[in-house]
PDB file of N, CA and C in Angstrom:
ATOM      1  N   UNK A   1       9.470  -9.312  -3.139  1.00  0.00           N
ATOM      2  CA  UNK A   1       9.020  -8.586  -4.487  1.00  0.00           C
ATOM      3  C   UNK A   1       7.285  -8.537  -4.084  1.00  0.00           C
ATOM      4  N   UNK A   2       6.665  -7.378  -4.193  1.00  0.00           N
ATOM      5  CA  UNK A   2       5.401  -6.923  -4.063  1.00  0.00           C
ATOM      6  C   UNK A   2       4.851  -6.182  -5.526  1.00  0.00           C
ATOM      7  N   UNK A   3       3.473  -6.148  -5.285  1.00  0.00           N
ATOM      8  CA  UNK A   3       3.538  -5.414  -6.511  1.00  0.00           C
ATOM      9  C   UNK A   3       3.186  -3.610  -6.391  1.00  0.00           C
ATOM     10  N   UNK A   4       3.649  -2.861  -7.215  1.00  0.00           N
ATOM     11  CA  UNK A   4       3.142  -1.716  -7.376  1.00  0.00           C
ATOM     12  C   UNK A   4       2.840  -0.913  -8.543  1.00  0.00           C
ATOM     13  N   UNK A   5       1.639   0.545  -7.972  1.00  0.00           N
ATOM     14  CA  UNK A   5       0.740   0.666  -9.391  1.00  0.00           C
ATOM     15  C   UNK A   5       1.302   2.063  -9.385  1.00  0.00           C
ATOM     16  N   UNK A   6       1.975   3.722  -9.525  1.00  0.00           N
ATOM     17  CA  UNK A   6       2.146   4.687  -9.484  1.00  0.00           C
ATOM     18  C   UNK A   6       1.005   5.369 -10.272  1.00  0.00           C
ATOM     19  N   UNK A   7      -0.292   6.148  -9.909  1.00  0.00           N
ATOM     20  CA  UNK A   7      -0.920   7.130 -10.134  1.00  0.00           C
ATOM     21  C   UNK A   7      -0.152   8.695 -10.441  1.00  0.00           C
ATOM     22  N   UNK A   8      -0.156   9.523 -11.242  1.00  0.00           N
ATOM     23  CA  UNK A   8      -0.425  11.158 -11.008  1.00  0.00           C
ATOM     24  C   UNK A   8      -1.674  11.436 -11.410  1.00  0.00           C
ATOM     25  N   UNK A   9      -2.465  12.335 -10.795  1.00  0.00           N
ATOM     26  CA  UNK A   9      -3.387  12.089 -10.756  1.00  0.00           C
ATOM     27  C   UNK A   9      -3.716  13.832  -9.933  1.00  0.00           C
ATOM     28  N   UNK A  10      -3.854  14.956 -11.449  1.00  0.00           N
ATOM     29  CA  UNK A  10      -4.563  16.783 -10.620  1.00  0.00           C
ATOM     30  C   UNK A  10      -3.184  16.832  -9.666  1.00  0.00           C
ATOM     31  N   UNK A  11      -2.188  16.415  -9.998  1.00  0.00           N
ATOM     32  CA  UNK A  11      -0.935  17.306  -8.839  1.00  0.00           C
ATOM     33  C   UNK A  11      -0.342  15.974  -7.805  1.00  0.00           C
ATOM     34  N   UNK A  12      -1.112  14.789  -8.125  1.00  0.00           N
ATOM     35  CA  UNK A  12      -0.919  13.840  -6.742  1.00  0.00           C
ATOM     36  C   UNK A  12      -0.253  13.223  -7.094  1.00  0.00           C
ATOM     37  N   UNK A  13       0.668  12.530  -6.471  1.00  0.00           N
ATOM     38  CA  UNK A  13       1.169  11.036  -6.824  1.00  0.00           C
ATOM     39  C   UNK A  13       0.732   9.972  -5.900  1.00  0.00           C
ATOM     40  N   UNK A  14       0.012   8.864  -6.325  1.00  0.00           N
ATOM     41  CA  UNK A  14      -0.483   8.364  -5.561  1.00  0.00           C
ATOM     42  C   UNK A  14       0.038   6.806  -5.954  1.00  0.00           C
ATOM     43  N   UNK A  15       0.992   6.240  -4.919  1.00  0.00           N
ATOM     44  CA  UNK A  15       1.525   4.877  -4.939  1.00  0.00           C
ATOM     45  C   UNK A  15       0.578   3.802  -4.496  1.00  0.00           C
ATOM     46  N   UNK A  16       0.479   2.365  -4.985  1.00  0.00           N
ATOM     47  CA  UNK A  16      -0.680   1.389  -4.297  1.00  0.00           C
ATOM     48  C   UNK A  16       0.674   0.407  -4.336  1.00  0.00           C
ATOM     49  N   UNK A  17       0.819  -0.413  -3.456  1.00  0.00           N
ATOM     50  CA  UNK A  17       1.646  -1.231  -3.025  1.00  0.00           C
ATOM     51  C   UNK A  17       0.918  -2.553  -2.558  1.00  0.00           C
ATOM     52  N   UNK A  18       1.121  -3.904  -2.917  1.00  0.00           N
ATOM     53  CA  UNK A  18       0.955  -4.803  -1.764  1.00  0.00           C
ATOM     54  C   UNK A  18       2.236  -6.025  -2.379  1.00  0.00           C
ATOM     55  N   UNK A  19       1.627  -6.598  -0.844  1.00  0.00           N
ATOM     56  CA  UNK A  19       2.385  -7.606  -0.622  1.00  0.00           C
ATOM     57  C   UNK A  19       2.510  -8.951  -2.068  1.00  0.00           C
ATOM     58  N   UNK A  20       2.655  -9.228  -2.671  1.00  0.00           N
ATOM     59  CA  UNK A  20       2.945 -10.300  -4.478  1.00  0.00           C
ATOM     60  C   UNK A  20       2.000 -11.643  -3.850  1.00  0.00           C
ATOM     61  N   UNK A  21       1.607 -11.904  -2.588  1.00  0.00           N
ATOM     62  CA  UNK A  21       0.642 -13.055  -2.774  1.00  0.00           C
ATOM     63  C   UNK A  21      -0.325 -12.647  -2.398  1.00  0.00           C
ATOM     64  N   UNK A  22      -1.070 -11.757  -2.552  1.00  0.00           N
ATOM     65  CA  UNK A  22      -2.235 -11.129  -1.877  1.00  0.00           C
ATOM     66  C   UNK A  22      -2.671  -9.980  -3.180  1.00  0.00           C
ATOM     67  N   UNK A  23      -2.162  -9.892  -4.148  1.00  0.00           N
ATOM     68  CA  UNK A  23      -2.867  -9.889  -5.383  1.00  0.00           C
ATOM     69  C   UNK A  23      -3.585 -10.176  -5.867  1.00  0.00           C
ATOM     70  N   UNK A  24      -5.003  -9.781  -6.124  1.00  0.00           N
ATOM     71  CA  UNK A  24      -6.318 -10.538  -6.524  1.00  0.00           C
ATOM     72  C   UNK A  24      -6.675 -10.905  -5.008  1.00  0.00           C
ATOM     73  N   UNK A  25      -6.364 -10.891  -4.109  1.00  0.00           N
ATOM     74  CA  UNK A  25      -7.425 -11.152  -3.070  1.00  0.00           C
ATOM     75  C   UNK A  25      -8.388 -10.442  -2.266  1.00  0.00           C
ATOM     76  N   UNK A  26      -9.555 -11.277  -2.005  1.00  0.00           N
ATOM     77  CA  UNK A  26     -10.832 -10.305  -1.354  1.00  0.00           C
ATOM     78  C   UNK A  26     -10.692 -11.022   0.396  1.00  0.00           C
ATOM     79  N   UNK A  27      -9.848  -9.149   1.235  1.00  0.00           N
ATOM     80  CA  UNK A  27      -9.973  -9.910   2.437  1.00  0.00           C
ATOM     81  C   UNK A  27     -11.344  -9.510   3.070  1.00  0.00           C
ATOM     82  N   UNK A  28     -12.116 -10.216   3.642  1.00  0.00           N
ATOM     83  CA  UNK A  28     -13.587 -10.226   4.666  1.00  0.00           C
ATOM     84  C   UNK A  28     -13.713 -10.312   5.792  1.00  0.00           C
ATOM     85  N   UNK A  29     -13.608  -9.589   6.879  1.00  0.00           N
ATOM     86  CA  UNK A  29     -14.089  -9.565   8.147  1.00  0.00           C
ATOM     87  C   UNK A  29     -15.025  -8.341   8.353  1.00  0.00           C
ATOM     88  N   UNK A  30     -16.283  -9.559   9.253  1.00  0.00           N
ATOM     89  CA  UNK A  30     -17.488  -8.899   9.430  1.00  0.00           C
ATOM     90  C   UNK A  30     -17.782  -8.093   7.757  1.00  0.00           C
ATOM     91  N   UNK A  31     -18.326  -6.838   8.717  1.00  0.00           N
ATOM     92  CA  UNK A  31     -18.840  -6.070   7.588  1.00  0.00           C
ATOM     93  C   UNK A  31     -18.021  -5.351   6.312  1.00  0.00           C
ATOM     94  N   UNK A  32     -16.144  -5.360   7.032  1.00  0.00           N
ATOM     95  CA  UNK A  32     -15.596  -5.340   6.140  1.00  0.00           C
ATOM     96  C   UNK A  32     -14.907  -6.145   4.875  1.00  0.00           C
ATOM     97  N   UNK A  33     -14.778  -5.759   3.689  1.00  0.00           N
ATOM     98  CA  UNK A  33     -14.046  -6.044   2.695  1.00  0.00           C
ATOM     99  C   UNK A  33     -13.100  -5.015   1.815  1.00  0.00           C
ATOM    100  N   UNK A  34     -11.876  -6.028   1.806  1.00  0.00           N
ATOM    101  CA  UNK A  34     -10.591  -4.967   0.904  1.00  0.00           C
ATOM    102  C   UNK A  34     -10.427  -6.349  -0.490  1.00  0.00           C
ATOM    103  N   UNK A  35     -10.682  -5.410  -1.167  1.00  0.00           N
ATOM    104  CA  UNK A  35     -10.315  -6.625  -2.345  1.00  0.00           C
ATOM    105  C   UNK A  35      -9.408  -5.705  -2.919  1.00  0.00           C
ATOM    106  N   UNK A  36      -8.160  -6.525  -2.937  1.00  0.00           N
ATOM    107  CA  UNK A  36      -6.554  -6.516  -3.481  1.00  0.00           C
ATOM    108  C   UNK A  36      -6.503  -6.626  -4.989  1.00  0.00           C
ATOM    109  N   UNK A  37      -7.308  -5.025  -5.495  1.00  0.00           N
ATOM    110  CA  UNK A  37      -7.774  -5.696  -7.191  1.00  0.00           C
ATOM    111  C   UNK A  37      -6.376  -5.671  -7.870  1.00  0.00           C
ATOM    112  N   UNK A  38      -6.561  -5.821  -8.998  1.00  0.00           N
ATOM    113  CA  UNK A  38      -5.223  -6.383  -9.945  1.00  0.00           C
ATOM    114  C   UNK A  38      -5.158  -5.091 -10.850  1.00  0.00           C
ATOM    115  N   UNK A  39      -6.387  -4.181 -11.322  1.00  0.00           N
ATOM    116  CA  UNK A  39      -6.255  -3.407 -11.323  1.00  0.00           C
ATOM    117  C   UNK A  39      -5.813  -2.123 -10.483  1.00  0.00           C
ATOM    118  N   UNK A  40      -5.748  -1.837  -9.411  1.00  0.00           N
ATOM    119  CA  UNK A  40      -5.529  -1.128  -8.862  1.00  0.00           C
ATOM    120  C   UNK A  40      -3.908  -1.130  -8.041  1.00  0.00           C
ATOM    121  N   UNK A  41      -3.843  -2.098  -7.756  1.00  0.00           N
ATOM    122  CA  UNK A  41      -2.552  -2.383  -7.117  1.00  0.00           C
ATOM    123  C   UNK A  41      -1.598  -3.323  -8.701  1.00  0.00           C
ATOM    124  N   UNK A  42      -2.074  -4.110  -9.202  1.00  0.00           N
ATOM    125  CA  UNK A  42      -1.243  -4.555 -10.373  1.00  0.00           C
ATOM    126  C   UNK A  42      -0.302  -4.446 -11.768  1.00  0.00           C
ATOM    127  N   UNK A  43       0.582  -3.129 -11.030  1.00  0.00           N
ATOM    128  CA  UNK A  43       0.783  -2.425 -11.467  1.00  0.00           C
ATOM    129  C   UNK A  43       2.450  -3.414 -12.132  1.00  0.00           C
ATOM    130  N   UNK A  44       3.763  -3.109 -11.624  1.00  0.00           N
ATOM    131  CA  UNK A  44       4.827  -3.373 -11.629  1.00  0.00           C
ATOM    132  C   UNK A  44       5.280  -4.603 -10.859  1.00  0.00           C
ATOM    133  N   UNK A  45       5.576  -5.921 -10.654  1.00  0.00           N
ATOM    134  CA  UNK A  45       6.416  -6.738  -9.796  1.00  0.00           C
ATOM    135  C   UNK A  45       7.837  -6.102  -9.497  1.00  0.00           C
ATOM    136  N   UNK A  46       8.107  -5.595  -8.281  1.00  0.00           N
ATOM    137  CA  UNK A  46       9.366  -4.908  -8.138  1.00  0.00           C
ATOM    138  C   UNK A  46      10.027  -5.476  -6.550  1.00  0.00           C
ATOM    139  N   UNK A  47      11.381  -5.381  -6.368  1.00  0.00           N
ATOM    140  CA  UNK A  47      11.682  -5.326  -5.132  1.00  0.00           C
ATOM    141  C   UNK A  47      11.169  -4.192  -4.240  1.00  0.00           C
ATOM    142  N   UNK A  48      10.746  -4.790  -2.877  1.00  0.00           N
ATOM    143  CA  UNK A  48      10.434  -4.011  -2.248  1.00  0.00           C
ATOM    144  C   UNK A  48      11.173  -2.893  -2.005  1.00  0.00           C
ATOM    145  N   UNK A  49      12.111  -3.425  -1.916  1.00  0.00           N
ATOM    146  CA  UNK A  49      13.428  -1.600  -2.123  1.00  0.00           C
ATOM    147  C   UNK A  49      13.065  -0.847  -2.595  1.00  0.00           C
ATOM    148  N   UNK A  50      13.227  -1.081  -4.119  1.00  0.00           N
ATOM    149  CA  UNK A  50      12.118   0.034  -4.897  1.00  0.00           C
ATOM    150  C   UNK A  50      10.925   0.348  -4.449  1.00  0.00           C
ATOM    151  N   UNK A  51       9.887  -0.267  -4.281  1.00  0.00           N
ATOM    152  CA  UNK A  51       8.470   0.369  -4.122  1.00  0.00           C
ATOM    153  C   UNK A  51       8.553   1.605  -2.765  1.00  0.00           C
ATOM    154  N   UNK A  52       9.751   0.669  -1.637  1.00  0.00           N
ATOM    155  CA  UNK A  52       9.952   2.346  -0.944  1.00  0.00           C
ATOM    156  C   UNK A  52      10.506   3.536  -1.004  1.00  0.00           C
ATOM    157  N   UNK A  53      11.380   3.312  -2.080  1.00  0.00           N
ATOM    158  CA  UNK A  53      12.132   4.724  -2.689  1.00  0.00           C
ATOM    159  C   UNK A  53      10.861   5.089  -3.556  1.00  0.00           C
ATOM    160  N   UNK A  54      10.081   4.533  -4.323  1.00  0.00           N
ATOM    161  CA  UNK A  54       8.885   5.151  -4.600  1.00  0.00           C
ATOM    162  C   UNK A  54       7.759   5.493  -3.529  1.00  0.00           C
ATOM    163  N   UNK A  55       7.268   4.786  -2.648  1.00  0.00           N
ATOM    164  CA  UNK A  55       6.736   5.086  -1.534  1.00  0.00           C
ATOM    165  C   UNK A  55       7.257   6.745  -0.757  1.00  0.00           C
ATOM    166  N   UNK A  56       8.267   6.992  -1.093  1.00  0.00           N
ATOM    167  CA  UNK A  56       8.562   7.815  -0.050  1.00  0.00           C
ATOM    168  C   UNK A  56       8.329   9.584  -0.499  1.00  0.00           C
ATOM    169  N   UNK A  57       8.211   9.141  -2.208  1.00  0.00           N
ATOM    170  CA  UNK A  57       7.938  10.143  -2.634  1.00  0.00           C
ATOM    171  C   UNK A  57       6.721  10.831  -3.265  1.00  0.00           C
ATOM    172  N   UNK A  58       5.621   9.784  -2.708  1.00  0.00           N
ATOM    173  CA  UNK A  58       3.914  10.162  -2.520  1.00  0.00           C
ATOM    174  C   UNK A  58       3.741  10.929  -2.103  1.00  0.00           C
ATOM    175  N   UNK A  59       2.429  11.296  -2.556  1.00  0.00           N
ATOM    176  CA  UNK A  59       1.348  12.401  -1.521  1.00  0.00           C
ATOM    177  C   UNK A  59       0.702  11.562  -1.281  1.00  0.00           C
ATOM    178  N   UNK A  60      -0.325  10.003  -1.886  1.00  0.00           N
ATOM    179  CA  UNK A  60      -1.160   9.262  -0.949  1.00  0.00           C
ATOM    180  C   UNK A  60      -0.389   8.081  -1.116  1.00  0.00           C
ATOM    181  N   UNK A  61      -1.034   6.758  -0.250  1.00  0.00           N
ATOM    182  CA  UNK A  61       0.128   5.516  -0.089  1.00  0.00           C
ATOM    183  C   UNK A  61      -0.934   4.555   0.169  1.00  0.00           C
ATOM    184  N   UNK A  62      -1.731   4.180  -0.601  1.00  0.00           N
ATOM    185  CA  UNK A  62      -2.151   2.835   0.124  1.00  0.00           C
ATOM    186  C   UNK A  62      -1.566   1.471  -0.156  1.00  0.00           C
ATOM    187  N   UNK A  63      -1.423   1.150   1.178  1.00  0.00           N
ATOM    188  CA  UNK A  63      -0.780  -0.290   1.635  1.00  0.00           C
ATOM    189  C   UNK A  63      -1.510  -1.291   1.968  1.00  0.00           C
ATOM    190  N   UNK A  64      -1.201  -2.712   1.648  1.00  0.00           N
ATOM    191  CA  UNK A  64      -1.669  -4.297   1.767  1.00  0.00           C
ATOM    192  C   UNK A  64      -0.498  -4.900   1.812  1.00  0.00           C
ATOM    193  N   UNK A  65      -0.626  -5.362   3.174  1.00  0.00           N
ATOM    194  CA  UNK A  65       0.478  -6.697   3.449  1.00  0.00           C
ATOM    195  C   UNK A  65       1.325  -6.766   4.374  1.00  0.00           C
ATOM    196  N   UNK A  66       1.914  -8.068   4.929  1.00  0.00           N
ATOM    197  CA  UNK A  66       2.915  -7.687   6.451  1.00  0.00           C
ATOM    198  C   UNK A  66       4.345  -7.331   6.132  1.00  0.00           C
ATOM    199  N   UNK A  67       4.938  -7.382   5.090  1.00  0.00           N
ATOM    200  CA  UNK A  67       5.863  -7.454   3.841  1.00  0.00           C
ATOM    201  C   UNK A  67       6.041  -5.431   4.162  1.00  0.00           C
ATOM    202  N   UNK A  68       4.618  -5.079   3.277  1.00  0.00           N
ATOM    203  CA  UNK A  68       4.935  -3.887   2.880  1.00  0.00           C
ATOM    204  C   UNK A  68       4.775  -2.696   3.891  1.00  0.00           C
ATOM    205  N   UNK A  69       3.592  -3.443   4.934  1.00  0.00           N
ATOM    206  CA  UNK A  69       3.726  -2.106   5.325  1.00  0.00           C
ATOM    207  C   UNK A  69       4.320  -1.926   7.171  1.00  0.00           C
ATOM    208  N   UNK A  70       5.215  -2.612   7.098  1.00  0.00           N
ATOM    209  CA  UNK A  70       6.101  -3.554   8.257  1.00  0.00           C
ATOM    210  C   UNK A  70       7.554  -2.466   7.701  1.00  0.00           C
ATOM    211  N   UNK A  71       7.434  -2.518   5.903  1.00  0.00           N
ATOM    212  CA  UNK A  71       8.741  -2.023   5.428  1.00  0.00           C
ATOM    213  C   UNK A  71       8.476  -0.637   5.427  1.00  0.00           C
ATOM    214  N   UNK A  72       7.307  -0.089   5.144  1.00  0.00           N
ATOM    215  CA  UNK A  72       6.517   1.474   5.708  1.00  0.00           C
ATOM    216  C   UNK A  72       7.089   2.096   6.819  1.00  0.00           C
ATOM    217  N   UNK A  73       6.754   1.218   8.100  1.00  0.00           N
ATOM    218  CA  UNK A  73       6.796   1.767   9.733  1.00  0.00           C
ATOM    219  C   UNK A  73       7.701   2.044   9.040  1.00  0.00           C
ATOM    220  N   UNK A  74       9.037   0.714   9.612  1.00  0.00           N
ATOM    221  CA  UNK A  74      10.217   0.949   9.247  1.00  0.00           C
ATOM    222  C   UNK A  74      10.948   2.391   9.101  1.00  0.00           C
ATOM    223  N   UNK A  75      10.490   2.048   8.025  1.00  0.00           N
ATOM    224  CA  UNK A  75      10.898   3.791   6.656  1.00  0.00           C
ATOM    225  C   UNK A  75      10.399   5.552   7.529  1.00  0.00           C
ATOM    226  N   UNK A  76       9.621   5.330   8.567  1.00  0.00           N
ATOM    227  CA  UNK A  76       8.774   6.132   8.417  1.00  0.00           C
ATOM    228  C   UNK A  76       7.528   6.823   8.381  1.00  0.00           C
ATOM    229  N   UNK A  77       7.085   6.093   7.100  1.00  0.00           N
ATOM    230  CA  UNK A  77       6.256   6.477   5.964  1.00  0.00           C
ATOM    231  C   UNK A  77       4.900   6.487   6.646  1.00  0.00           C
ATOM    232  N   UNK A  78       4.685   5.648   7.647  1.00  0.00           N
ATOM    233  CA  UNK A  78       3.098   4.985   8.470  1.00  0.00           C
ATOM    234  C   UNK A  78       3.704   5.332   9.940  1.00  0.00           C
ATOM    235  N   UNK A  79       2.600   5.745  10.659  1.00  0.00           N
ATOM    236  CA  UNK A  79       2.453   5.358  12.200  1.00  0.00           C
ATOM    237  C   UNK A  79       1.962   3.975  12.397  1.00  0.00           C
ATOM    238  N   UNK A  80       2.639   3.755  13.538  1.00  0.00           N
ATOM    239  CA  UNK A  80       2.195   2.141  13.741  1.00  0.00           C
ATOM    240  C   UNK A  80       0.338   2.087  13.834  1.00  0.00           C
ATOM    241  N   UNK A  81      -0.160   3.082  14.729  1.00  0.00           N
ATOM    242  CA  UNK A  81      -1.082   3.461  15.209  1.00  0.00           C
ATOM    243  C   UNK A  81      -2.244   3.360  13.799  1.00  0.00           C
ATOM    244  N   UNK A  82      -1.484   3.793  12.701  1.00  0.00           N
ATOM    245  CA  UNK A  82      -2.871   3.866  11.838  1.00  0.00           C
ATOM    246  C   UNK A  82      -2.763   2.516  10.748  1.00  0.00           C
ATOM    247  N   UNK A  83      -2.159   1.641  11.328  1.00  0.00           N
ATOM    248  CA  UNK A  83      -2.282   0.163  10.515  1.00  0.00           C
ATOM    249  C   UNK A  83      -4.199  -0.391  11.099  1.00  0.00           C
ATOM    250  N   UNK A  84      -4.862  -0.531  10.358  1.00  0.00           N
ATOM    251  CA  UNK A  84      -6.002  -0.939  10.336  1.00  0.00           C
ATOM    252  C   UNK A  84      -5.447  -3.183  10.233  1.00  0.00           C
ATOM    253  N   UNK A  85      -6.004  -4.101  10.218  1.00  0.00           N
ATOM    254  CA  UNK A  85      -6.154  -5.628   9.871  1.00  0.00           C
ATOM    255  C   UNK A  85      -7.176  -5.711   9.668  1.00  0.00           C
ATOM    256  N   UNK A  86      -7.587  -6.367   8.570  1.00  0.00           N
ATOM    257  CA  UNK A  86      -8.218  -6.831   7.881  1.00  0.00           C
ATOM    258  C   UNK A  86      -8.024  -8.202   7.498  1.00  0.00           C
ATOM    259  N   UNK A  87      -8.822  -9.176   8.062  1.00  0.00           N
ATOM    260  CA  UNK A  87      -9.372 -10.029   7.875  1.00  0.00           C
ATOM    261  C   UNK A  87      -7.401 -10.614   8.664  1.00  0.00           C
ATOM    262  N   UNK A  88      -6.914 -10.259   9.084  1.00  0.00           N
ATOM    263  CA  UNK A  88      -5.388 -10.211   9.914  1.00  0.00           C
ATOM    264  C   UNK A  88      -4.728  -9.811   9.292  1.00  0.00           C
ATOM    265  N   UNK A  89      -4.908  -9.088   7.633  1.00  0.00           N
ATOM    266  CA  UNK A  89      -3.863  -8.492   6.955  1.00  0.00           C
ATOM    267  C   UNK A  89      -3.751  -6.934   6.765  1.00  0.00           C
ATOM    268  N   UNK A  90      -2.213  -7.066   7.443  1.00  0.00           N
ATOM    269  CA  UNK A  90      -2.356  -5.155   7.194  1.00  0.00           C
ATOM    270  C   UNK A  90      -3.027  -4.413   6.267  1.00  0.00           C
ATOM    271  N   UNK A  91      -3.263  -2.531   6.659  1.00  0.00           N
ATOM    272  CA  UNK A  91      -3.708  -2.234   5.706  1.00  0.00           C
ATOM    273  C   UNK A  91      -3.820  -0.485   6.170  1.00  0.00           C
ATOM    274  N   UNK A  92      -2.902   0.339   5.164  1.00  0.00           N
ATOM    275  CA  UNK A  92      -2.145   1.665   5.797  1.00  0.00           C
ATOM    276  C   UNK A  92      -3.219   2.384   4.372  1.00  0.00           C
ATOM    277  N   UNK A  93      -3.014   3.657   4.910  1.00  0.00           N
ATOM    278  CA  UNK A  93      -3.495   4.625   4.037  1.00  0.00           C
ATOM    279  C   UNK A  93      -2.286   6.467   4.512  1.00  0.00           C
ATOM    280  N   UNK A  94      -2.398   6.685   3.476  1.00  0.00           N
ATOM    281  CA  UNK A  94      -1.027   8.331   4.405  1.00  0.00           C
ATOM    282  C   UNK A  94      -1.264   8.815   2.897  1.00  0.00           C
ATOM    283  N   UNK A  95      -1.511  10.632   3.377  1.00  0.00           N
ATOM    284  CA  UNK A  95      -1.612  11.414   2.596  1.00  0.00           C
ATOM    285  C   UNK A  95      -1.022  12.222   3.525  1.00  0.00           C
ATOM    286  N   UNK A  96      -0.184  12.366   2.905  1.00  0.00           N
ATOM    287  CA  UNK A  96       1.105  14.066   3.083  1.00  0.00           C
ATOM    288  C   UNK A  96       0.460  15.084   2.592  1.00  0.00           C
ATOM    289  N   UNK A  97       0.871  16.376   2.976  1.00  0.00           N
ATOM    290  CA  UNK A  97      -0.196  17.561   2.699  1.00  0.00           C
ATOM    291  C   UNK A  97       1.151  18.376   2.654  1.00  0.00           C
ATOM    292  N   UNK A  98       1.164  18.847   1.466  1.00  0.00           N
ATOM    293  CA  UNK A  98       1.795  19.699   0.663  1.00  0.00           C
ATOM    294  C   UNK A  98       1.451  20.912   0.857  1.00  0.00           C
ATOM    295  N   UNK A  99       1.968  21.890   1.630  1.00  0.00           N
ATOM    296  CA  UNK A  99       1.944  23.165   1.752  1.00  0.00           C
ATOM    297  C   UNK A  99       3.147  24.373   1.245  1.00  0.00           C
TER     298      UNK A  99
END
């Protein structure tokens, strides 16, 4: 299970997904702080497969966590080279440009 929140903003579909154990956690590494904020990520607790279906239709993705990022890579939504780690936790963002 993962937390997922979907936003529709000015024609964009933003999908934020995080591993369930990371919701509310603040990841700190040197001068980088990533707060897995409940307001941004904490929409619905859903199966990972459901979240990935939503992610595949997004124009903007924001992903945090081992399970979430791994699943997005396996589905070709994120390139492995685009993954950053903050305090050892994978984080990735993607933007799909529609012409």
